[in-house]
PDB file of N, CA and C in Angstrom:
ATOM      1  N   MET A   1      47.605 -18.258 -14.259  1.00  0.00           N
ATOM      2  CA  MET A   1      46.841 -19.478 -14.208  1.00  0.00           C
ATOM      3  C   MET A   1      47.623 -20.458 -13.347  1.00  0.00           C
ATOM      4  N   THR A   2      46.883 -21.169 -12.518  1.00  0.00           N
ATOM      5  CA  THR A   2      47.493 -22.231 -11.728  1.00  0.00           C
ATOM      6  C   THR A   2      46.785 -23.542 -12.037  1.00  0.00           C
ATOM      7  N   ILE A   3      47.561 -24.606 -12.008  1.00  0.00           N
ATOM      8  CA  ILE A   3      47.019 -25.949 -12.204  1.00  0.00           C
ATOM      9  C   ILE A   3      47.514 -26.803 -11.051  1.00  0.00           C
ATOM     10  N   VAL A   4      46.582 -27.398 -10.315  1.00  0.00           N
ATOM     11  CA  VAL A   4      46.917 -28.264  -9.188  1.00  0.00           C
ATOM     12  C   VAL A   4      46.443 -29.667  -9.530  1.00  0.00           C
ATOM     13  N   TYR A   5      47.376 -30.620  -9.511  1.00  0.00           N
ATOM     14  CA  TYR A   5      47.058 -32.006  -9.855  1.00  0.00           C
ATOM     15  C   TYR A   5      46.708 -32.798  -8.606  1.00  0.00           C
ATOM     16  N   ASN A   6      45.872 -33.841  -8.782  1.00  0.00           N
ATOM     17  CA  ASN A   6      45.486 -34.669  -7.649  1.00  0.00           C
ATOM     18  C   ASN A   6      46.662 -35.478  -7.112  1.00  0.00           C
ATOM     19  N   ASP A   7      47.626 -35.831  -7.965  1.00  0.00           N
ATOM     20  CA  ASP A   7      48.771 -36.645  -7.559  1.00  0.00           C
ATOM     21  C   ASP A   7      49.893 -36.397  -8.560  1.00  0.00           C
ATOM     22  N   GLU A   8      51.037 -35.963  -8.095  1.00  0.00           N
ATOM     23  CA  GLU A   8      52.152 -35.668  -9.001  1.00  0.00           C
ATOM     24  C   GLU A   8      52.672 -36.917  -9.708  1.00  0.00           C
ATOM     25  N   ALA A   9      52.551 -38.087  -9.083  1.00  0.00           N
ATOM     26  CA  ALA A   9      53.061 -39.322  -9.682  1.00  0.00           C
ATOM     27  C   ALA A   9      52.109 -39.890 -10.734  1.00  0.00           C
ATOM     28  N   CYS A  10      50.809 -39.745 -10.503  1.00  0.00           N
ATOM     29  CA  CYS A  10      49.806 -40.305 -11.421  1.00  0.00           C
ATOM     30  C   CYS A  10      48.699 -39.273 -11.605  1.00  0.00           C
ATOM     31  N   ARG A  11      48.901 -38.345 -12.516  1.00  0.00           N
ATOM     32  CA  ARG A  11      47.964 -37.237 -12.713  1.00  0.00           C
ATOM     33  C   ARG A  11      46.727 -37.718 -13.468  1.00  0.00           C
ATOM     34  N   SER A  12      45.579 -37.702 -12.796  1.00  0.00           N
ATOM     35  CA  SER A  12      44.334 -38.097 -13.462  1.00  0.00           C
ATOM     36  C   SER A  12      43.287 -36.990 -13.419  1.00  0.00           C
ATOM     37  N   THR A  13      43.376 -36.115 -12.425  1.00  0.00           N
ATOM     38  CA  THR A  13      42.481 -34.962 -12.355  1.00  0.00           C
ATOM     39  C   THR A  13      43.301 -33.733 -11.971  1.00  0.00           C
ATOM     40  N   ALA A  14      42.740 -32.575 -12.288  1.00  0.00           N
ATOM     41  CA  ALA A  14      43.414 -31.318 -11.962  1.00  0.00           C
ATOM     42  C   ALA A  14      42.376 -30.236 -11.716  1.00  0.00           C
ATOM     43  N   THR A  15      42.788 -29.213 -10.999  1.00  0.00           N
ATOM     44  CA  THR A  15      41.972 -28.027 -10.797  1.00  0.00           C
ATOM     45  C   THR A  15      42.689 -26.865 -11.476  1.00  0.00           C
ATOM     46  N   VAL A  16      41.993 -26.207 -12.404  1.00  0.00           N
ATOM     47  CA  VAL A  16      42.571 -25.110 -13.182  1.00  0.00           C
ATOM     48  C   VAL A  16      41.941 -23.804 -12.696  1.00  0.00           C
ATOM     49  N   THR A  17      42.781 -22.837 -12.317  1.00  0.00           N
ATOM     50  CA  THR A  17      42.289 -21.553 -11.824  1.00  0.00           C
ATOM     51  C   THR A  17      42.898 -20.413 -12.632  1.00  0.00           C
ATOM     52  N   CYS A  18      42.044 -19.499 -13.047  1.00  0.00           N
ATOM     53  CA  CYS A  18      42.448 -18.277 -13.734  1.00  0.00           C
ATOM     54  C   CYS A  18      41.919 -17.117 -12.895  1.00  0.00           C
ATOM     55  N   SER A  19      42.793 -16.157 -12.554  1.00  0.00           N
ATOM     56  CA  SER A  19      42.329 -15.038 -11.736  1.00  0.00           C
ATOM     57  C   SER A  19      43.070 -13.759 -12.089  1.00  0.00           C
ATOM     58  N   GLN A  20      42.450 -12.638 -11.720  1.00  0.00           N
ATOM     59  CA  GLN A  20      43.039 -11.331 -11.971  1.00  0.00           C
ATOM     60  C   GLN A  20      44.243 -11.132 -11.054  1.00  0.00           C
ATOM     61  N   PRO A  21      45.151 -10.221 -11.404  1.00  0.00           N
ATOM     62  CA  PRO A  21      46.278  -9.908 -10.516  1.00  0.00           C
ATOM     63  C   PRO A  21      45.762  -9.408  -9.168  1.00  0.00           C
ATOM     64  N   GLN A  22      46.519  -9.647  -8.132  1.00  0.00           N
ATOM     65  CA  GLN A  22      46.104  -9.285  -6.777  1.00  0.00           C
ATOM     66  C   GLN A  22      46.430  -7.826  -6.467  1.00  0.00           C
ATOM     67  N   LYS A  23      45.644  -6.913  -7.028  1.00  0.00           N
ATOM     68  CA  LYS A  23      45.811  -5.484  -6.749  1.00  0.00           C
ATOM     69  C   LYS A  23      44.456  -4.914  -6.360  1.00  0.00           C
ATOM     70  N   GLN A  24      44.476  -3.976  -5.428  1.00  0.00           N
ATOM     71  CA  GLN A  24      43.231  -3.351  -5.011  1.00  0.00           C
ATOM     72  C   GLN A  24      42.649  -2.524  -6.142  1.00  0.00           C
ATOM     73  N   GLY A  25      41.330  -2.527  -6.227  1.00  0.00           N
ATOM     74  CA  GLY A  25      40.647  -1.691  -7.193  1.00  0.00           C
ATOM     75  C   GLY A  25      40.430  -2.319  -8.554  1.00  0.00           C
ATOM     76  N   LEU A  26      41.038  -3.461  -8.810  1.00  0.00           N
ATOM     77  CA  LEU A  26      40.818  -4.116 -10.095  1.00  0.00           C
ATOM     78  C   LEU A  26      39.494  -4.867 -10.061  1.00  0.00           C
ATOM     79  N   GLU A  27      38.676  -4.640 -11.033  1.00  0.00           N
ATOM     80  CA  GLU A  27      37.398  -5.348 -11.150  1.00  0.00           C
ATOM     81  C   GLU A  27      37.345  -5.997 -12.526  1.00  0.00           C
ATOM     82  N   LEU A  28      38.251  -6.921 -12.765  1.00  0.00           N
ATOM     83  CA  LEU A  28      38.364  -7.565 -14.064  1.00  0.00           C
ATOM     84  C   LEU A  28      37.576  -8.870 -14.092  1.00  0.00           C
ATOM     85  N   VAL A  29      37.382  -9.394 -15.280  1.00  0.00           N
ATOM     86  CA  VAL A  29      36.775 -10.716 -15.427  1.00  0.00           C
ATOM     87  C   VAL A  29      37.860 -11.686 -15.873  1.00  0.00           C
ATOM     88  N   ALA A  30      37.700 -12.933 -15.460  1.00  0.00           N
ATOM     89  CA  ALA A  30      38.656 -13.980 -15.816  1.00  0.00           C
ATOM     90  C   ALA A  30      37.937 -15.029 -16.649  1.00  0.00           C
ATOM     91  N   ALA A  31      38.646 -15.573 -17.633  1.00  0.00           N
ATOM     92  CA  ALA A  31      38.068 -16.601 -18.504  1.00  0.00           C
ATOM     93  C   ALA A  31      39.100 -17.694 -18.752  1.00  0.00           C
ATOM     94  N   ILE A  32      38.614 -18.923 -18.879  1.00  0.00           N
ATOM     95  CA  ILE A  32      39.455 -20.036 -19.298  1.00  0.00           C
ATOM     96  C   ILE A  32      39.083 -20.348 -20.740  1.00  0.00           C
ATOM     97  N   VAL A  33      40.112 -20.349 -21.599  1.00  0.00           N
ATOM     98  CA  VAL A  33      39.914 -20.565 -23.034  1.00  0.00           C
ATOM     99  C   VAL A  33      40.621 -21.864 -23.428  1.00  0.00           C
ATOM    100  N   VAL A  34      39.899 -22.718 -24.138  1.00  0.00           N
ATOM    101  CA  VAL A  34      40.445 -24.001 -24.588  1.00  0.00           C
ATOM    102  C   VAL A  34      40.638 -23.957 -26.103  1.00  0.00           C
ATOM    103  N   ASN A  35      41.824 -24.366 -26.541  1.00  0.00           N
ATOM    104  CA  ASN A  35      42.145 -24.490 -27.969  1.00  0.00           C
ATOM    105  C   ASN A  35      41.940 -23.186 -28.741  1.00  0.00           C
ATOM    106  N   GLU A  36      42.233 -22.075 -28.098  1.00  0.00           N
ATOM    107  CA  GLU A  36      42.229 -20.732 -28.681  1.00  0.00           C
ATOM    108  C   GLU A  36      40.860 -20.160 -29.033  1.00  0.00           C
ATOM    109  N   VAL A  37      39.799 -20.950 -29.065  1.00  0.00           N
ATOM    110  CA  VAL A  37      38.506 -20.431 -29.516  1.00  0.00           C
ATOM    111  C   VAL A  37      37.342 -20.714 -28.570  1.00  0.00           C
ATOM    112  N   ASN A  38      37.468 -21.648 -27.669  1.00  0.00           N
ATOM    113  CA  ASN A  38      36.348 -22.046 -26.814  1.00  0.00           C
ATOM    114  C   ASN A  38      36.446 -21.394 -25.438  1.00  0.00           C
ATOM    115  N   PHE A  39      35.664 -20.327 -25.227  1.00  0.00           N
ATOM    116  CA  PHE A  39      35.590 -19.719 -23.907  1.00  0.00           C
ATOM    117  C   PHE A  39      34.726 -20.634 -23.050  1.00  0.00           C
ATOM    118  N   VAL A  40      35.362 -21.373 -22.147  1.00  0.00           N
ATOM    119  CA  VAL A  40      34.649 -22.359 -21.339  1.00  0.00           C
ATOM    120  C   VAL A  40      33.732 -21.667 -20.346  1.00  0.00           C
ATOM    121  N   ASP A  41      34.251 -20.636 -19.677  1.00  0.00           N
ATOM    122  CA  ASP A  41      33.446 -19.900 -18.706  1.00  0.00           C
ATOM    123  C   ASP A  41      34.128 -18.570 -18.424  1.00  0.00           C
ATOM    124  N   VAL A  42      33.330 -17.584 -18.032  1.00  0.00           N
ATOM    125  CA  VAL A  42      33.823 -16.255 -17.679  1.00  0.00           C
ATOM    126  C   VAL A  42      33.176 -15.873 -16.359  1.00  0.00           C
ATOM    127  N   GLU A  43      33.979 -15.410 -15.411  1.00  0.00           N
ATOM    128  CA  GLU A  43      33.475 -15.023 -14.093  1.00  0.00           C
ATOM    129  C   GLU A  43      34.191 -13.758 -13.625  1.00  0.00           C
ATOM    130  N   PRO A  44      33.547 -12.994 -12.729  1.00  0.00           N
ATOM    131  CA  PRO A  44      34.243 -11.842 -12.151  1.00  0.00           C
ATOM    132  C   PRO A  44      35.446 -12.305 -11.319  1.00  0.00           C
ATOM    133  N   LYS A  45      36.574 -11.666 -11.496  1.00  0.00           N
ATOM    134  CA  LYS A  45      37.799 -11.828 -10.712  1.00  0.00           C
ATOM    135  C   LYS A  45      38.512 -13.166 -10.861  1.00  0.00           C
ATOM    136  N   SER A  46      37.804 -14.302 -10.722  1.00  0.00           N
ATOM    137  CA  SER A  46      38.482 -15.600 -10.711  1.00  0.00           C
ATOM    138  C   SER A  46      37.540 -16.712 -11.150  1.00  0.00           C
ATOM    139  N   ILE A  47      38.112 -17.739 -11.766  1.00  0.00           N
ATOM    140  CA  ILE A  47      37.326 -18.897 -12.176  1.00  0.00           C
ATOM    141  C   ILE A  47      38.156 -20.155 -11.932  1.00  0.00           C
ATOM    142  N   THR A  48      37.494 -21.202 -11.454  1.00  0.00           N
ATOM    143  CA  THR A  48      38.147 -22.483 -11.205  1.00  0.00           C
ATOM    144  C   THR A  48      37.315 -23.578 -11.841  1.00  0.00           C
ATOM    145  N   LEU A  49      37.978 -24.444 -12.605  1.00  0.00           N
ATOM    146  CA  LEU A  49      37.296 -25.556 -13.273  1.00  0.00           C
ATOM    147  C   LEU A  49      38.078 -26.850 -13.089  1.00  0.00           C
ATOM    148  N   PRO A  50      37.367 -27.982 -13.032  1.00  0.00           N
ATOM    149  CA  PRO A  50      38.057 -29.272 -12.963  1.00  0.00           C
ATOM    150  C   PRO A  50      38.453 -29.752 -14.356  1.00  0.00           C
ATOM    151  N   ALA A  51      39.529 -30.510 -14.422  1.00  0.00           N
ATOM    152  CA  ALA A  51      39.973 -31.156 -15.661  1.00  0.00           C
ATOM    153  C   ALA A  51      40.232 -32.629 -15.354  1.00  0.00           C
ATOM    154  N   THR A  52      40.056 -33.476 -16.361  1.00  0.00           N
ATOM    155  CA  THR A  52      40.239 -34.917 -16.206  1.00  0.00           C
ATOM    156  C   THR A  52      41.102 -35.441 -17.343  1.00  0.00           C
ATOM    157  N   CYS A  53      41.986 -36.377 -17.009  1.00  0.00           N
ATOM    158  CA  CYS A  53      42.781 -37.033 -18.041  1.00  0.00           C
ATOM    159  C   CYS A  53      42.061 -38.325 -18.430  1.00  0.00           C
ATOM    160  N   PHE A  54      41.677 -38.441 -19.703  1.00  0.00           N
ATOM    161  CA  PHE A  54      40.942 -39.601 -20.202  1.00  0.00           C
ATOM    162  C   PHE A  54      41.705 -40.181 -21.388  1.00  0.00           C
ATOM    163  N   ASN A  55      42.170 -41.400 -21.245  1.00  0.00           N
ATOM    164  CA  ASN A  55      42.966 -42.063 -22.294  1.00  0.00           C
ATOM    165  C   ASN A  55      44.157 -41.217 -22.745  1.00  0.00           C
ATOM    166  N   GLY A  56      44.803 -40.561 -21.784  1.00  0.00           N
ATOM    167  CA  GLY A  56      45.992 -39.771 -22.088  1.00  0.00           C
ATOM    168  C   GLY A  56      45.731 -38.384 -22.629  1.00  0.00           C
ATOM    169  N   VAL A  57      44.461 -37.963 -22.676  1.00  0.00           N
ATOM    170  CA  VAL A  57      44.093 -36.640 -23.199  1.00  0.00           C
ATOM    171  C   VAL A  57      43.386 -35.855 -22.099  1.00  0.00           C
ATOM    172  N   TRP A  58      43.854 -34.626 -21.844  1.00  0.00           N
ATOM    173  CA  TRP A  58      43.183 -33.784 -20.856  1.00  0.00           C
ATOM    174  C   TRP A  58      41.886 -33.234 -21.439  1.00  0.00           C
ATOM    175  N   GLN A  59      40.825 -33.282 -20.605  1.00  0.00           N
ATOM    176  CA  GLN A  59      39.516 -32.766 -21.007  1.00  0.00           C
ATOM    177  C   GLN A  59      39.018 -31.796 -19.949  1.00  0.00           C
ATOM    178  N   ILE A  60      38.289 -30.783 -20.415  1.00  0.00           N
ATOM    179  CA  ILE A  60      37.721 -29.789 -19.512  1.00  0.00           C
ATOM    180  C   ILE A  60      36.366 -29.372 -20.061  1.00  0.00           C
ATOM    181  N   ALA A  61      35.457 -28.989 -19.188  1.00  0.00           N
ATOM    182  CA  ALA A  61      34.113 -28.485 -19.516  1.00  0.00           C
ATOM    183  C   ALA A  61      33.126 -29.616 -19.752  1.00  0.00           C
ATOM    184  N   GLN A  62      31.854 -29.221 -19.922  1.00  0.00           N
ATOM    185  CA  GLN A  62      30.766 -30.153 -20.229  1.00  0.00           C
ATOM    186  C   GLN A  62      29.980 -29.602 -21.400  1.00  0.00           C
ATOM    187  N   PRO A  63      29.863 -30.300 -22.506  1.00  0.00           N
ATOM    188  CA  PRO A  63      30.487 -31.592 -22.790  1.00  0.00           C
ATOM    189  C   PRO A  63      32.001 -31.430 -22.864  1.00  0.00           C
ATOM    190  N   PRO A  64      32.739 -32.517 -22.619  1.00  0.00           N
ATOM    191  CA  PRO A  64      34.197 -32.422 -22.538  1.00  0.00           C
ATOM    192  C   PRO A  64      34.850 -31.959 -23.840  1.00  0.00           C
ATOM    193  N   LEU A  65      35.797 -31.031 -23.697  1.00  0.00           N
ATOM    194  CA  LEU A  65      36.630 -30.586 -24.813  1.00  0.00           C
ATOM    195  C   LEU A  65      38.024 -31.175 -24.617  1.00  0.00           C
ATOM    196  N   ASN A  66      38.592 -31.783 -25.654  1.00  0.00           N
ATOM    197  CA  ASN A  66      39.968 -32.261 -25.590  1.00  0.00           C
ATOM    198  C   ASN A  66      40.894 -31.053 -25.645  1.00  0.00           C
ATOM    199  N   VAL A  67      41.793 -30.944 -24.684  1.00  0.00           N
ATOM    200  CA  VAL A  67      42.651 -29.772 -24.553  1.00  0.00           C
ATOM    201  C   VAL A  67      43.959 -29.970 -25.319  1.00  0.00           C
ATOM    202  N   THR A  68      44.213 -29.074 -26.271  1.00  0.00           N
ATOM    203  CA  THR A  68      45.527 -29.001 -26.904  1.00  0.00           C
ATOM    204  C   THR A  68      46.230 -27.713 -26.490  1.00  0.00           C
ATOM    205  N   ARG A  69      45.429 -26.704 -26.116  1.00  0.00           N
ATOM    206  CA  ARG A  69      45.975 -25.433 -25.637  1.00  0.00           C
ATOM    207  C   ARG A  69      45.017 -24.874 -24.592  1.00  0.00           C
ATOM    208  N   LEU A  70      45.565 -24.374 -23.488  1.00  0.00           N
ATOM    209  CA  LEU A  70      44.768 -23.844 -22.390  1.00  0.00           C
ATOM    210  C   LEU A  70      45.282 -22.450 -22.060  1.00  0.00           C
ATOM    211  N   GLU A  71      44.353 -21.472 -21.968  1.00  0.00           N
ATOM    212  CA  GLU A  71      44.744 -20.088 -21.711  1.00  0.00           C
ATOM    213  C   GLU A  71      43.890 -19.472 -20.609  1.00  0.00           C
ATOM    214  N   CYS A  72      44.490 -18.534 -19.901  1.00  0.00           N
ATOM    215  CA  CYS A  72      43.795 -17.703 -18.924  1.00  0.00           C
ATOM    216  C   CYS A  72      43.737 -16.301 -19.515  1.00  0.00           C
ATOM    217  N   VAL A  73      42.529 -15.759 -19.666  1.00  0.00           N
ATOM    218  CA  VAL A  73      42.347 -14.419 -20.221  1.00  0.00           C
ATOM    219  C   VAL A  73      41.708 -13.546 -19.149  1.00  0.00           C
ATOM    220  N   VAL A  74      42.314 -12.385 -18.892  1.00  0.00           N
ATOM    221  CA  VAL A  74      41.788 -11.435 -17.916  1.00  0.00           C
ATOM    222  C   VAL A  74      41.543 -10.126 -18.654  1.00  0.00           C
ATOM    223  N   SER A  75      40.330  -9.552 -18.451  1.00  0.00           N
ATOM    224  CA  SER A  75      39.959  -8.374 -19.236  1.00  0.00           C
ATOM    225  C   SER A  75      38.998  -7.490 -18.459  1.00  0.00           C
ATOM    226  N   ASP A  76      38.856  -6.256 -18.940  1.00  0.00           N
ATOM    227  CA  ASP A  76      37.817  -5.375 -18.410  1.00  0.00           C
ATOM    228  C   ASP A  76      36.461  -5.960 -18.769  1.00  0.00           C
ATOM    229  N   PRO A  77      35.481  -5.875 -17.846  1.00  0.00           N
ATOM    230  CA  PRO A  77      34.141  -6.345 -18.196  1.00  0.00           C
ATOM    231  C   PRO A  77      33.521  -5.441 -19.259  1.00  0.00           C
ATOM    232  N   LEU A  78      32.623  -5.995 -20.011  1.00  0.00           N
ATOM    233  CA  LEU A  78      31.946  -5.216 -21.060  1.00  0.00           C
ATOM    234  C   LEU A  78      30.919  -4.303 -20.475  1.00  0.00           C
TER     235      LEU A  78
END
């Protein structure tokens, strides 16, 4: 998982990316999971979502989820 912030000095937005390892022949799905139970989205190979800092709390998805834990899950498709 990679997280790119809009500004290192004053972080207010970020781009979160979860993707499969870079090997030929892998056809995995990637998912971003918030707070251990909320699968925000699942996409083939890679997924990128925006995050926003609101009143000191990072939020992601619509409707916004307050982030306490953020995970990248890569798995075989069903």
